[in-house]
């Protein structure tokens, strides 16, 4: 099963754009990119997630209802949590939600097999590693996140959960954590247990 697909789009003049492209940006383009939010800022259109479309579907049911329907659960939602952060620092929500989320789930950082902290901006992950020095780099965003996979507003949480469930099963993991920032100053996340 494929969770991410390359889509060709034809726009006005017949030009084709691949929503998920190949290759990277030349270094001179990265250096020349103008800050997006603040005049002296570091976030540019080249180190932020792109504008894109996406969809994901999650069927959430009690164990009893899944059995009644003859469905075999792929994972269990152990805990979810939301935090508030200053709106001008909304990117921090993606990592500031992790400690209270883990506490709510009764899980230690070291118990988690994989993390996906949505990187709406590259700076989010850099700040996450500074805020949570114990966050294992070798188990965080291993298959990409918002910049490489896309950040479809309104579908990102579902996309992350679907990816995490499949990646845990594919890679032999048990516990996964997904989180994201939310415009306006929130962070939300989930702890998932693969079945």
Protein backbone atom coordinates (compact mmCIF):
# COMPACT_ATOMS: atom_id res chain seq x y z
CA UNK A 1 0.00 0.00 0.00
CA UNK A 2 1.33 3.44 -0.91
CA UNK A 3 0.68 6.32 1.46
CA UNK A 4 2.19 9.06 -0.73
CA UNK A 5 1.76 9.44 -4.49
CA UNK A 6 3.29 11.67 -7.14
CA UNK A 7 0.60 13.71 -8.90
CA UNK A 8 1.00 15.69 -12.12
CA UNK A 9 -1.06 18.88 -12.33
CA UNK A 10 -1.74 20.86 -15.49
CA UNK A 11 -2.18 24.60 -14.96
CA UNK A 12 -3.02 27.50 -17.22
CA UNK A 13 -0.61 27.41 -20.30
CA UNK A 14 -0.48 23.59 -20.17
CA UNK A 15 2.65 23.43 -18.01
CA UNK A 16 3.00 20.36 -15.78
CA UNK A 17 4.07 20.56 -12.15
CA UNK A 18 4.86 17.52 -10.06
CA UNK A 19 3.44 18.01 -6.60
CA UNK A 20 6.20 15.84 -5.12
CA UNK A 21 9.35 16.56 -7.11
CA UNK A 22 12.83 15.11 -7.39
CA UNK A 23 16.11 16.66 -6.28
CA UNK A 24 17.00 19.63 -4.09
CA UNK A 25 17.58 23.35 -4.32
CA UNK A 26 20.93 24.77 -5.45
CA UNK A 27 22.87 26.35 -2.55
CA UNK A 28 22.82 29.86 -4.10
CA UNK A 29 18.99 29.74 -4.16
CA UNK A 30 18.88 28.76 -0.49
CA UNK A 31 21.22 31.58 0.51
CA UNK A 32 19.34 34.16 -1.58
CA UNK A 33 15.88 33.24 -0.25
CA UNK A 34 14.16 36.12 1.54
CA UNK A 35 12.76 35.70 5.09
CA UNK A 36 9.02 35.15 5.07
CA UNK A 37 7.69 36.20 8.50
CA UNK A 38 10.22 38.75 9.80
CA UNK A 39 12.69 41.02 8.01
CA UNK A 40 15.65 39.41 9.82
CA UNK A 41 14.06 35.97 10.18
CA UNK A 42 15.40 32.59 9.09
CA UNK A 43 12.22 30.99 7.74
CA UNK A 44 11.96 31.23 3.97
CA UNK A 45 9.83 29.58 1.32
CA UNK A 46 12.68 27.11 0.76
CA UNK A 47 12.91 25.79 4.33
CA UNK A 48 9.17 25.65 4.96
CA UNK A 49 6.50 23.24 3.83
CA UNK A 50 4.93 24.02 0.50
CA UNK A 51 1.33 24.81 -0.32
CA UNK A 52 -0.17 21.49 -1.29
CA UNK A 53 -3.25 19.32 -1.24
CA UNK A 54 -3.61 16.00 0.49
CA UNK A 55 -6.06 13.66 2.05
CA UNK A 56 -6.07 10.87 4.58
CA UNK A 57 -8.74 8.79 6.22
CA UNK A 58 -8.78 7.37 9.73
CA UNK A 59 -11.48 5.08 11.05
CA UNK A 60 -11.67 5.47 14.82
CA UNK A 61 -13.82 2.97 16.72
CA UNK A 62 -14.02 1.25 20.07
CA UNK A 63 -12.61 -2.26 20.19
CA UNK A 64 -16.15 -3.58 20.70
CA UNK A 65 -17.54 -1.75 17.66
CA UNK A 66 -14.62 -2.84 15.46
CA UNK A 67 -15.31 -6.47 16.45
CA UNK A 68 -19.03 -6.06 15.68
CA UNK A 69 -18.09 -4.79 12.21
CA UNK A 70 -15.56 -7.60 11.68
CA UNK A 71 -12.65 -5.15 11.50
CA UNK A 72 -9.17 -5.88 12.79
CA UNK A 73 -7.59 -2.75 14.31
CA UNK A 74 -4.22 -1.69 12.92
CA UNK A 75 -3.36 0.42 15.97
CA UNK A 76 -4.66 1.76 19.26
CA UNK A 77 -4.87 5.43 20.19
CA UNK A 78 -3.25 5.46 23.63
CA UNK A 79 -3.42 9.20 24.32
CA UNK A 80 -3.87 12.60 22.70
CA UNK A 81 -3.14 16.03 24.03
CA UNK A 82 -3.19 19.72 23.07
CA UNK A 83 -1.16 22.65 24.38
CA UNK A 84 -1.30 26.39 23.85
CA UNK A 85 1.74 28.49 22.91
CA UNK A 86 2.07 32.18 22.01
CA UNK A 87 0.66 32.57 18.49
CA UNK A 88 3.84 34.23 17.20
CA UNK A 89 5.70 31.07 18.32
CA UNK A 90 3.09 28.62 17.04
CA UNK A 91 5.75 26.29 15.60
CA UNK A 92 6.76 25.42 19.16
CA UNK A 93 3.47 23.61 19.65
CA UNK A 94 4.79 20.62 17.67
CA UNK A 95 7.39 19.81 20.34
CA UNK A 96 6.03 21.47 23.48
CA UNK A 97 3.09 19.05 23.36
CA UNK A 98 5.41 16.01 23.60
CA UNK A 99 6.25 15.99 27.36
CA UNK A 100 2.64 16.34 28.61
CA UNK A 101 1.47 13.93 25.90
CA UNK A 102 3.93 11.25 27.02
CA UNK A 103 3.01 11.86 30.64
CA UNK A 104 -0.66 11.45 29.83
CA UNK A 105 0.11 8.16 28.03
CA UNK A 106 2.33 6.89 30.84
CA UNK A 107 5.15 6.45 28.34
CA UNK A 108 8.81 7.51 28.61
CA UNK A 109 10.68 9.14 25.72
CA UNK A 110 12.91 6.06 25.45
CA UNK A 111 9.88 3.75 25.06
CA UNK A 112 8.87 5.37 21.75
CA UNK A 113 10.01 3.62 18.59
CA UNK A 114 9.35 6.50 16.19
CA UNK A 115 8.40 10.17 16.31
CA UNK A 116 7.00 12.40 13.62
CA UNK A 117 7.04 16.04 14.68
CA UNK A 118 5.52 17.86 11.74
CA UNK A 119 8.07 20.20 10.30
CA UNK A 120 5.95 22.98 8.92
CA UNK A 121 9.30 24.80 8.99
CA UNK A 122 12.81 23.32 9.25
CA UNK A 123 13.36 25.49 12.34
CA UNK A 124 10.68 23.49 14.20
CA UNK A 125 12.77 20.33 14.25
CA UNK A 126 15.95 22.24 15.15
CA UNK A 127 14.11 23.86 18.08
CA UNK A 128 12.63 20.49 19.08
CA UNK A 129 16.10 18.96 19.48
CA UNK A 130 17.17 21.96 21.59
CA UNK A 131 14.02 21.82 23.77
CA UNK A 132 14.10 18.01 24.10
CA UNK A 133 17.80 17.07 24.03
CA UNK A 134 16.89 13.41 24.74
CA UNK A 135 14.71 13.24 21.60
CA UNK A 136 16.40 10.48 19.56
CA UNK A 137 17.46 11.86 16.19
CA UNK A 138 17.69 8.36 14.73
CA UNK A 139 13.98 7.76 15.47
CA UNK A 140 12.55 11.17 14.57
CA UNK A 141 11.05 12.00 11.15
CA UNK A 142 12.75 8.99 9.60
CA UNK A 143 10.46 8.94 6.54
CA UNK A 144 10.09 12.71 6.28
CA UNK A 145 7.44 15.14 7.44
CA UNK A 146 5.83 18.43 6.42
CA UNK A 147 8.62 19.76 4.20
CA UNK A 148 9.27 16.54 2.29
CA UNK A 149 5.82 14.87 2.44
CA UNK A 150 3.65 17.96 2.41
CA UNK A 151 1.59 19.77 5.01
CA UNK A 152 -1.99 19.74 3.74
CA UNK A 153 -3.72 22.08 6.18
CA UNK A 154 -6.67 20.31 7.74
CA UNK A 155 -5.36 16.85 6.81
CA UNK A 156 -1.89 16.82 8.36
CA UNK A 157 -2.88 15.10 11.61
CA UNK A 158 -4.72 12.32 9.80
CA UNK A 159 -1.84 11.96 7.29
CA UNK A 160 0.63 11.64 10.17
CA UNK A 161 -1.46 9.03 11.99
CA UNK A 162 -1.90 6.94 8.81
CA UNK A 163 1.83 7.14 8.04
CA UNK A 164 2.81 6.29 11.63
CA UNK A 165 0.53 3.25 11.81
CA UNK A 166 1.90 1.85 8.55
CA UNK A 167 5.53 2.71 9.38
CA UNK A 168 5.33 1.08 12.83
CA UNK A 169 4.00 -2.11 11.24
CA UNK A 170 6.49 -1.99 8.35
CA UNK A 171 9.50 -1.32 10.58
CA UNK A 172 8.56 -3.63 13.46
CA UNK A 173 7.87 -0.85 15.96
CA UNK A 174 5.22 -0.71 18.68
CA UNK A 175 4.84 2.86 19.93
CA UNK A 176 4.73 5.98 17.78
CA UNK A 177 4.23 9.67 18.56
CA UNK A 178 2.84 12.19 16.07
CA UNK A 179 2.58 15.92 16.71
CA UNK A 180 2.06 19.18 14.92
CA UNK A 181 1.80 22.91 15.45
CA UNK A 182 -1.47 24.66 14.68
CA UNK A 183 -1.75 28.22 13.42
CA UNK A 184 -2.90 30.59 16.13
CA UNK A 185 -0.81 29.00 18.88
CA UNK A 186 -1.58 25.34 19.52
CA UNK A 187 0.22 22.05 19.48
CA UNK A 188 -1.48 18.68 19.25
CA UNK A 189 -0.26 15.12 19.29
CA UNK A 190 -1.03 11.44 19.69
CA UNK A 191 0.59 8.30 21.07
CA UNK A 192 -0.21 5.24 18.98
CA UNK A 193 0.32 1.55 19.68
CA UNK A 194 0.63 -0.73 16.63
CA UNK A 195 -1.29 -4.00 16.72
